[in-house]
Amino acid sequence: MYGKKGRELVQEFAESEPGQLAAFNTDLVTQVLEECNSHFLHLNSLVRKMNAKAPTESSSANQPTQNDAVSNNESPDDNNPRETDRSSNPELPKDDNYHGLLIHHQSLTRNKRCLMAYVYNRSEVVRRLGWTLERVLPEEIEEKLSTSEKEYFKNHAATIQSYMSALDLDLGVDMVPPKDPYIKVRVLDDIGNVVLSDQLANLARHAILFIRRTDAEQYISQGLMEELMS
C-alpha cells in the first residue's frame, strides 16, 4: 500500500544486469494495478465527503454591507481585497479527509509513475534486441517477455527489416569493416544442412567451419554457434 509495491517493481528492474531482462512480473504488476484502483476508490469517497461538508452559503454573504462600510468611514464603492480574495477562493478545510485525499492521490501518482518506468525500461531492452536478434527470439528470452512485449518486438523487428530491405543495406553488421569476411565458428547444436550465401553446409554439432560473417551472425545471435577467435 501507499506506493510500496510500485517501488518493488522499479527496484527489481534496477537490480537486474544492464541489458538483461528478468521474467515479466505479472503478479506484482497486477498488485500495483489493484492498489491503484483502491486508491482511486478512496479518492472518490473522500471527495464526496468533502463536497458534502462544503459551505452552501452564497459568496455574497461574505461581502461587507453598505452600512458596514459607512460605519468604518469607507466608501460603499471601495473594495476590500482581503474579503474578496477569501470569497472567490474559499480554502478547503484541512481536516482528516483533506490529508487523506492528499495521501491517496500521491500514492496513486507514485504507483502510476513506477508502472510506466518499469514498462518503459523493459521496452527499451526489447527494442535493442531488435537490432541484434533480427526477427527470432531465443526461447530463454522469449519466455521472460509478456504478450505485449513479444508483440512489440515482432512489430519493431519487422519495421527494421522492412527499412533495411528498402535501402538494400544491412544496418545490423559491424560499424567497423572486418579484416576478413570469413570467420571461424563452432556449431553448438545440430542445425542440419543449410544453404549459405556461397555454399551448402552441413552444420552438425561440434563442427568447425569457415563461413561468411553475415551467414554466421544469425546463428551466433540465437546461441546455435560461437565464433572462435584463434
C-alpha atoms as a PDB file:
ATOM      1  CA  MET A   1       0.000   0.000   0.000  1.00  0.00           C
ATOM      2  CA  TYR A   2       0.986   3.633  -0.475  1.00  0.00           C
ATOM      3  CA  GLY A   3       3.458   3.018  -3.314  1.00  0.00           C
ATOM      4  CA  LYS A   4       5.461   0.161  -1.790  1.00  0.00           C
ATOM      5  CA  LYS A   5       4.513  -2.343  -4.498  1.00  0.00           C
ATOM      6  CA  GLY A   6       5.412   0.140  -7.218  1.00  0.00           C
ATOM      7  CA  ARG A   7       8.803   0.672  -5.615  1.00  0.00           C
ATOM      8  CA  GLU A   8       9.384  -3.076  -5.664  1.00  0.00           C
ATOM      9  CA  LEU A   9       8.809  -3.115  -9.427  1.00  0.00           C
ATOM     10  CA  VAL A  10      11.369  -0.385 -10.069  1.00  0.00           C
ATOM     11  CA  GLN A  11      13.852  -1.970  -7.659  1.00  0.00           C
ATOM     12  CA  GLU A  12      13.501  -5.330  -9.428  1.00  0.00           C
ATOM     13  CA  PHE A  13      14.472  -3.808 -12.761  1.00  0.00           C
ATOM     14  CA  ALA A  14      17.258  -1.679 -11.267  1.00  0.00           C
ATOM     15  CA  GLU A  15      18.896  -4.736  -9.710  1.00  0.00           C
ATOM     16  CA  SER A  16      18.991  -6.680 -12.993  1.00  0.00           C
ATOM     17  CA  GLU A  17      22.120  -6.753 -15.144  1.00  0.00           C
ATOM     18  CA  PRO A  18      22.315  -3.927 -17.728  1.00  0.00           C
ATOM     19  CA  GLY A  19      20.766  -5.054 -20.994  1.00  0.00           C
ATOM     20  CA  GLN A  20      19.292  -8.177 -19.376  1.00  0.00           C
ATOM     21  CA  LEU A  21      15.666  -8.907 -18.586  1.00  0.00           C
ATOM     22  CA  ALA A  22      14.132 -10.795 -15.700  1.00  0.00           C
ATOM     23  CA  ALA A  23      10.810 -12.534 -16.266  1.00  0.00           C
ATOM     24  CA  PHE A  24       7.909 -10.090 -16.533  1.00  0.00           C
ATOM     25  CA  ASN A  25       6.469  -9.910 -13.019  1.00  0.00           C
ATOM     26  CA  THR A  26       2.779 -10.289 -13.835  1.00  0.00           C
ATOM     27  CA  ASP A  27       1.765 -10.896 -10.208  1.00  0.00           C
ATOM     28  CA  LEU A  28       3.426  -7.744  -8.908  1.00  0.00           C
ATOM     29  CA  VAL A  29       2.112  -5.620 -11.788  1.00  0.00           C
ATOM     30  CA  THR A  30      -1.402  -6.893 -11.032  1.00  0.00           C
ATOM     31  CA  GLN A  31      -0.982  -5.999  -7.357  1.00  0.00           C
ATOM     32  CA  VAL A  32       0.116  -2.459  -8.256  1.00  0.00           C
ATOM     33  CA  LEU A  33      -2.887  -2.035 -10.567  1.00  0.00           C
ATOM     34  CA  GLU A  34      -5.233  -3.274  -7.838  1.00  0.00           C
ATOM     35  CA  GLU A  35      -3.609  -0.853  -5.420  1.00  0.00           C
ATOM     36  CA  CYS A  36      -4.169   1.993  -7.911  1.00  0.00           C
ATOM     37  CA  ASN A  37      -7.844   1.068  -8.150  1.00  0.00           C
ATOM     38  CA  SER A  38      -8.098   1.013  -4.367  1.00  0.00           C
ATOM     39  CA  HIS A  39      -6.547   4.500  -4.082  1.00  0.00           C
ATOM     40  CA  PHE A  40      -8.913   5.769  -6.771  1.00  0.00           C
ATOM     41  CA  LEU A  41     -11.968   4.486  -4.905  1.00  0.00           C
ATOM     42  CA  HIS A  42     -10.754   6.082  -1.668  1.00  0.00           C
ATOM     43  CA  LEU A  43     -10.193   9.360  -3.523  1.00  0.00           C
ATOM     44  CA  ASN A  44     -13.747   9.370  -4.852  1.00  0.00           C
ATOM     45  CA  SER A  45     -15.139   8.617  -1.410  1.00  0.00           C
ATOM     46  CA  LEU A  46     -13.163  11.434   0.233  1.00  0.00           C
ATOM     47  CA  VAL A  47     -14.092  13.927  -2.473  1.00  0.00           C
ATOM     48  CA  ARG A  48     -17.781  13.158  -1.934  1.00  0.00           C
ATOM     49  CA  LYS A  49     -17.402  13.642   1.822  1.00  0.00           C
ATOM     50  CA  MET A  50     -15.621  16.968   1.350  1.00  0.00           C
ATOM     51  CA  ASN A  51     -18.235  18.185  -1.117  1.00  0.00           C
ATOM     52  CA  ALA A  52     -20.958  17.292   1.352  1.00  0.00           C
ATOM     53  CA  LYS A  53     -19.249  19.429   4.023  1.00  0.00           C
ATOM     54  CA  ALA A  54     -18.682  22.376   1.685  1.00  0.00           C
ATOM     55  CA  PRO A  55     -20.489  25.599   2.795  1.00  0.00           C
ATOM     56  CA  THR A  56     -23.752  26.225   0.968  1.00  0.00           C
ATOM     57  CA  GLU A  57     -23.961  29.923   1.694  1.00  0.00           C
ATOM     58  CA  SER A  58     -23.742  32.274  -1.213  1.00  0.00           C
ATOM     59  CA  SER A  59     -20.427  34.002  -1.671  1.00  0.00           C
ATOM     60  CA  SER A  60     -22.222  37.326  -1.457  1.00  0.00           C
ATOM     61  CA  ALA A  61     -22.879  36.707   2.215  1.00  0.00           C
ATOM     62  CA  ASN A  62     -19.196  37.234   2.871  1.00  0.00           C
ATOM     63  CA  GLN A  63     -19.133  40.685   1.236  1.00  0.00           C
ATOM     64  CA  PRO A  64     -19.285  43.755   3.522  1.00  0.00           C
ATOM     65  CA  THR A  65     -22.631  45.572   3.546  1.00  0.00           C
ATOM     66  CA  GLN A  66     -23.067  49.247   2.813  1.00  0.00           C
ATOM     67  CA  ASN A  67     -23.730  50.014   6.487  1.00  0.00           C
ATOM     68  CA  ASP A  68     -20.503  48.253   7.476  1.00  0.00           C
ATOM     69  CA  ALA A  69     -18.524  50.335   5.000  1.00  0.00           C
ATOM     70  CA  VAL A  70     -20.038  53.605   6.194  1.00  0.00           C
ATOM     71  CA  SER A  71     -19.502  52.758   9.854  1.00  0.00           C
ATOM     72  CA  ASN A  72     -15.817  52.160   9.044  1.00  0.00           C
ATOM     73  CA  ASN A  73     -15.571  55.535   7.242  1.00  0.00           C
ATOM     74  CA  GLU A  74     -15.207  53.777   3.876  1.00  0.00           C
ATOM     75  CA  SER A  75     -16.953  54.462   0.636  1.00  0.00           C
ATOM     76  CA  PRO A  76     -19.550  51.851  -0.402  1.00  0.00           C
ATOM     77  CA  ASP A  77     -17.679  51.532  -3.704  1.00  0.00           C
ATOM     78  CA  ASP A  78     -14.337  50.682  -2.072  1.00  0.00           C
ATOM     79  CA  ASN A  79     -13.220  47.095  -2.429  1.00  0.00           C
ATOM     80  CA  ASN A  80     -11.914  45.015   0.426  1.00  0.00           C
ATOM     81  CA  PRO A  81      -9.174  42.845  -1.180  1.00  0.00           C
ATOM     82  CA  ARG A  82      -8.976  40.522   1.782  1.00  0.00           C
ATOM     83  CA  GLU A  83     -12.688  39.716   1.817  1.00  0.00           C
ATOM     84  CA  THR A  84     -12.877  39.443  -1.951  1.00  0.00           C
ATOM     85  CA  ASP A  85      -9.966  37.040  -2.101  1.00  0.00           C
ATOM     86  CA  ARG A  86     -11.436  34.840   0.610  1.00  0.00           C
ATOM     87  CA  SER A  87     -14.842  34.645  -1.021  1.00  0.00           C
ATOM     88  CA  SER A  88     -13.574  33.953  -4.544  1.00  0.00           C
ATOM     89  CA  ASN A  89     -11.007  31.352  -3.454  1.00  0.00           C
ATOM     90  CA  PRO A  90     -12.503  29.506  -0.495  1.00  0.00           C
ATOM     91  CA  GLU A  91      -9.980  27.190   1.121  1.00  0.00           C
ATOM     92  CA  LEU A  92     -10.835  23.558   1.710  1.00  0.00           C
ATOM     93  CA  PRO A  93     -10.980  22.595   5.364  1.00  0.00           C
ATOM     94  CA  LYS A  94      -7.711  20.864   6.180  1.00  0.00           C
ATOM     95  CA  ASP A  95      -9.251  18.071   8.176  1.00  0.00           C
ATOM     96  CA  ASP A  96      -8.653  14.299   8.110  1.00  0.00           C
ATOM     97  CA  ASN A  97     -10.444  13.978   4.774  1.00  0.00           C
ATOM     98  CA  TYR A  98      -8.214  16.623   3.194  1.00  0.00           C
ATOM     99  CA  HIS A  99      -4.978  14.974   4.310  1.00  0.00           C
ATOM    100  CA  GLY A 100      -6.281  11.515   3.403  1.00  0.00           C
ATOM    101  CA  LEU A 101      -7.080  12.790  -0.092  1.00  0.00           C
ATOM    102  CA  LEU A 102      -3.505  14.050  -0.491  1.00  0.00           C
ATOM    103  CA  ILE A 103      -2.037  10.737   0.675  1.00  0.00           C
ATOM    104  CA  HIS A 104      -4.150   8.631  -1.687  1.00  0.00           C
ATOM    105  CA  HIS A 105      -3.520  10.989  -4.607  1.00  0.00           C
ATOM    106  CA  GLN A 106       0.251  10.970  -4.105  1.00  0.00           C
ATOM    107  CA  SER A 107       0.267   7.168  -3.708  1.00  0.00           C
ATOM    108  CA  LEU A 108      -1.776   6.731  -6.887  1.00  0.00           C
ATOM    109  CA  THR A 109       0.551   9.050  -8.825  1.00  0.00           C
ATOM    110  CA  ARG A 110       3.655   7.285  -7.491  1.00  0.00           C
ATOM    111  CA  ASN A 111       2.338   3.862  -8.482  1.00  0.00           C
ATOM    112  CA  LYS A 112       1.496   5.072 -11.984  1.00  0.00           C
ATOM    113  CA  ARG A 113       4.993   6.509 -12.430  1.00  0.00           C
ATOM    114  CA  CYS A 114       6.589   3.287 -11.187  1.00  0.00           C
ATOM    115  CA  LEU A 115       4.489   1.229 -13.607  1.00  0.00           C
ATOM    116  CA  MET A 116       5.452   3.497 -16.501  1.00  0.00           C
ATOM    117  CA  ALA A 117       9.148   3.322 -15.564  1.00  0.00           C
ATOM    118  CA  TYR A 118       9.024  -0.488 -15.355  1.00  0.00           C
ATOM    119  CA  VAL A 119       7.269  -0.925 -18.711  1.00  0.00           C
ATOM    120  CA  TYR A 120       9.344   1.745 -20.493  1.00  0.00           C
ATOM    121  CA  ASN A 121      12.744   0.459 -19.395  1.00  0.00           C
ATOM    122  CA  ARG A 122      11.848  -3.110 -20.334  1.00  0.00           C
ATOM    123  CA  SER A 123      10.619  -1.919 -23.736  1.00  0.00           C
ATOM    124  CA  GLU A 124      13.965  -0.191 -24.314  1.00  0.00           C
ATOM    125  CA  VAL A 125      15.779  -3.506 -23.771  1.00  0.00           C
ATOM    126  CA  VAL A 126      13.333  -5.263 -26.110  1.00  0.00           C
ATOM    127  CA  ARG A 127      13.845  -2.548 -28.722  1.00  0.00           C
ATOM    128  CA  ARG A 128      17.617  -3.027 -28.648  1.00  0.00           C
ATOM    129  CA  LEU A 129      17.121  -6.773 -29.116  1.00  0.00           C
ATOM    130  CA  GLY A 130      15.509  -5.976 -32.451  1.00  0.00           C
ATOM    131  CA  TRP A 131      18.898  -4.854 -33.759  1.00  0.00           C
ATOM    132  CA  THR A 132      20.821  -7.905 -32.572  1.00  0.00           C
ATOM    133  CA  LEU A 133      18.418 -10.836 -32.897  1.00  0.00           C
ATOM    134  CA  GLU A 134      16.728  -9.975 -36.170  1.00  0.00           C
ATOM    135  CA  ARG A 135      13.215 -11.479 -36.076  1.00  0.00           C
ATOM    136  CA  VAL A 136      13.912 -14.593 -33.996  1.00  0.00           C
ATOM    137  CA  LEU A 137      13.839 -14.564 -30.213  1.00  0.00           C
ATOM    138  CA  PRO A 138      15.761 -17.271 -28.367  1.00  0.00           C
ATOM    139  CA  GLU A 139      13.478 -19.355 -26.184  1.00  0.00           C
ATOM    140  CA  GLU A 140      15.232 -18.312 -22.971  1.00  0.00           C
ATOM    141  CA  ILE A 141      14.493 -14.651 -23.763  1.00  0.00           C
ATOM    142  CA  GLU A 142      11.004 -15.122 -25.183  1.00  0.00           C
ATOM    143  CA  GLU A 143       9.737 -16.866 -22.049  1.00  0.00           C
ATOM    144  CA  LYS A 144      10.667 -13.782 -19.991  1.00  0.00           C
ATOM    145  CA  LEU A 145       8.522 -11.388 -22.032  1.00  0.00           C
ATOM    146  CA  SER A 146       4.878 -10.526 -21.619  1.00  0.00           C
ATOM    147  CA  THR A 147       2.454 -10.917 -24.518  1.00  0.00           C
ATOM    148  CA  SER A 148       2.611  -7.186 -25.232  1.00  0.00           C
ATOM    149  CA  GLU A 149       6.419  -7.206 -25.211  1.00  0.00           C
ATOM    150  CA  LYS A 150       6.511 -10.118 -27.671  1.00  0.00           C
ATOM    151  CA  GLU A 151       4.169  -8.253 -29.989  1.00  0.00           C
ATOM    152  CA  TYR A 152       6.268  -5.093 -29.631  1.00  0.00           C
ATOM    153  CA  PHE A 153       9.452  -6.970 -30.530  1.00  0.00           C
ATOM    154  CA  LYS A 154       7.771  -8.618 -33.511  1.00  0.00           C
ATOM    155  CA  ASN A 155       6.479  -5.319 -34.895  1.00  0.00           C
ATOM    156  CA  HIS A 156       9.726  -3.448 -34.207  1.00  0.00           C
ATOM    157  CA  ALA A 157      11.887  -6.145 -35.825  1.00  0.00           C
ATOM    158  CA  ALA A 158       9.569  -6.225 -38.849  1.00  0.00           C
ATOM    159  CA  THR A 159       9.887  -2.450 -39.207  1.00  0.00           C
ATOM    160  CA  ILE A 160      13.693  -2.665 -39.098  1.00  0.00           C
ATOM    161  CA  GLN A 161      13.742  -5.437 -41.702  1.00  0.00           C
ATOM    162  CA  SER A 162      11.372  -3.510 -43.960  1.00  0.00           C
ATOM    163  CA  TYR A 163      13.532  -0.400 -43.717  1.00  0.00           C
ATOM    164  CA  MET A 164      16.757  -2.286 -44.462  1.00  0.00           C
ATOM    165  CA  SER A 165      15.099  -4.052 -47.401  1.00  0.00           C
ATOM    166  CA  ALA A 166      14.012  -0.719 -48.835  1.00  0.00           C
ATOM    167  CA  LEU A 167      17.600   0.564 -48.557  1.00  0.00           C
ATOM    168  CA  ASP A 168      19.129  -2.760 -49.600  1.00  0.00           C
ATOM    169  CA  LEU A 169      21.504  -2.300 -46.686  1.00  0.00           C
ATOM    170  CA  ASP A 170      22.140  -4.384 -43.558  1.00  0.00           C
ATOM    171  CA  LEU A 171      22.293  -1.956 -40.630  1.00  0.00           C
ATOM    172  CA  GLY A 172      22.962  -4.709 -38.110  1.00  0.00           C
ATOM    173  CA  VAL A 173      26.513  -5.536 -39.177  1.00  0.00           C
ATOM    174  CA  ASP A 174      29.636  -4.175 -37.549  1.00  0.00           C
ATOM    175  CA  MET A 175      30.213  -0.454 -37.898  1.00  0.00           C
ATOM    176  CA  VAL A 176      33.930  -1.180 -38.438  1.00  0.00           C
ATOM    177  CA  PRO A 177      34.597  -3.323 -41.546  1.00  0.00           C
ATOM    178  CA  PRO A 178      36.054  -6.730 -40.577  1.00  0.00           C
ATOM    179  CA  LYS A 179      39.524  -7.678 -41.784  1.00  0.00           C
ATOM    180  CA  ASP A 180      38.224 -10.928 -43.226  1.00  0.00           C
ATOM    181  CA  PRO A 181      34.681 -11.620 -44.464  1.00  0.00           C
ATOM    182  CA  TYR A 182      35.077 -15.217 -43.248  1.00  0.00           C
ATOM    183  CA  ILE A 183      35.214 -16.253 -39.616  1.00  0.00           C
ATOM    184  CA  LYS A 184      35.949 -19.500 -37.815  1.00  0.00           C
ATOM    185  CA  VAL A 185      32.963 -20.884 -35.937  1.00  0.00           C
ATOM    186  CA  ARG A 186      31.956 -23.919 -33.898  1.00  0.00           C
ATOM    187  CA  VAL A 187      28.428 -25.283 -34.187  1.00  0.00           C
ATOM    188  CA  LEU A 188      26.854 -25.756 -30.747  1.00  0.00           C
ATOM    189  CA  ASP A 189      23.733 -27.625 -31.787  1.00  0.00           C
ATOM    190  CA  ASP A 190      22.604 -29.743 -34.724  1.00  0.00           C
ATOM    191  CA  ILE A 191      21.260 -27.365 -37.351  1.00  0.00           C
ATOM    192  CA  GLY A 192      21.398 -29.629 -40.383  1.00  0.00           C
ATOM    193  CA  ASN A 193      22.049 -28.845 -44.000  1.00  0.00           C
ATOM    194  CA  VAL A 194      21.606 -25.176 -44.827  1.00  0.00           C
ATOM    195  CA  VAL A 195      22.160 -23.074 -47.912  1.00  0.00           C
ATOM    196  CA  LEU A 196      24.582 -20.262 -47.160  1.00  0.00           C
ATOM    197  CA  SER A 197      25.363 -17.333 -49.395  1.00  0.00           C
ATOM    198  CA  ASP A 198      28.246 -19.147 -51.132  1.00  0.00           C
ATOM    199  CA  GLN A 199      27.933 -22.833 -50.228  1.00  0.00           C
ATOM    200  CA  LEU A 200      25.791 -25.687 -48.983  1.00  0.00           C
ATOM    201  CA  ALA A 201      26.961 -26.593 -45.485  1.00  0.00           C
ATOM    202  CA  ASN A 202      26.180 -29.358 -43.029  1.00  0.00           C
ATOM    203  CA  LEU A 203      26.003 -27.608 -39.654  1.00  0.00           C
ATOM    204  CA  ALA A 204      26.378 -30.616 -37.397  1.00  0.00           C
ATOM    205  CA  ARG A 205      27.035 -30.271 -33.696  1.00  0.00           C
ATOM    206  CA  HIS A 206      30.699 -29.558 -32.766  1.00  0.00           C
ATOM    207  CA  ALA A 207      31.576 -28.941 -36.422  1.00  0.00           C
ATOM    208  CA  ILE A 208      34.203 -26.242 -37.002  1.00  0.00           C
ATOM    209  CA  LEU A 209      33.808 -24.239 -40.204  1.00  0.00           C
ATOM    210  CA  PHE A 210      34.969 -21.133 -42.008  1.00  0.00           C
ATOM    211  CA  ILE A 211      31.874 -19.288 -43.229  1.00  0.00           C
ATOM    212  CA  ARG A 212      30.917 -15.741 -44.054  1.00  0.00           C
ATOM    213  CA  ARG A 213      30.352 -13.482 -41.070  1.00  0.00           C
ATOM    214  CA  THR A 214      26.979 -12.411 -42.459  1.00  0.00           C
ATOM    215  CA  ASP A 215      25.870 -16.064 -42.626  1.00  0.00           C
ATOM    216  CA  ALA A 216      27.077 -16.845 -39.118  1.00  0.00           C
ATOM    217  CA  GLU A 217      25.612 -13.839 -37.299  1.00  0.00           C
ATOM    218  CA  GLN A 218      22.042 -15.107 -37.164  1.00  0.00           C
ATOM    219  CA  TYR A 219      23.164 -18.452 -35.678  1.00  0.00           C
ATOM    220  CA  ILE A 220      25.519 -16.775 -33.210  1.00  0.00           C
ATOM    221  CA  SER A 221      22.748 -14.467 -32.005  1.00  0.00           C
ATOM    222  CA  GLN A 222      20.472 -17.473 -31.427  1.00  0.00           C
ATOM    223  CA  GLY A 223      23.119 -19.317 -29.420  1.00  0.00           C
ATOM    224  CA  LEU A 224      23.487 -22.079 -32.024  1.00  0.00           C
ATOM    225  CA  MET A 225      27.025 -21.151 -32.983  1.00  0.00           C
ATOM    226  CA  GLU A 226      30.051 -19.446 -31.476  1.00  0.00           C
ATOM    227  CA  GLU A 227      32.956 -17.597 -33.070  1.00  0.00           C
ATOM    228  CA  LEU A 228      36.440 -18.956 -32.465  1.00  0.00           C
ATOM    229  CA  MET A 229      38.947 -16.161 -32.128  1.00  0.00           C
ATOM    230  CA  SER A 230      42.059 -18.329 -32.564  1.00  0.00           C
END
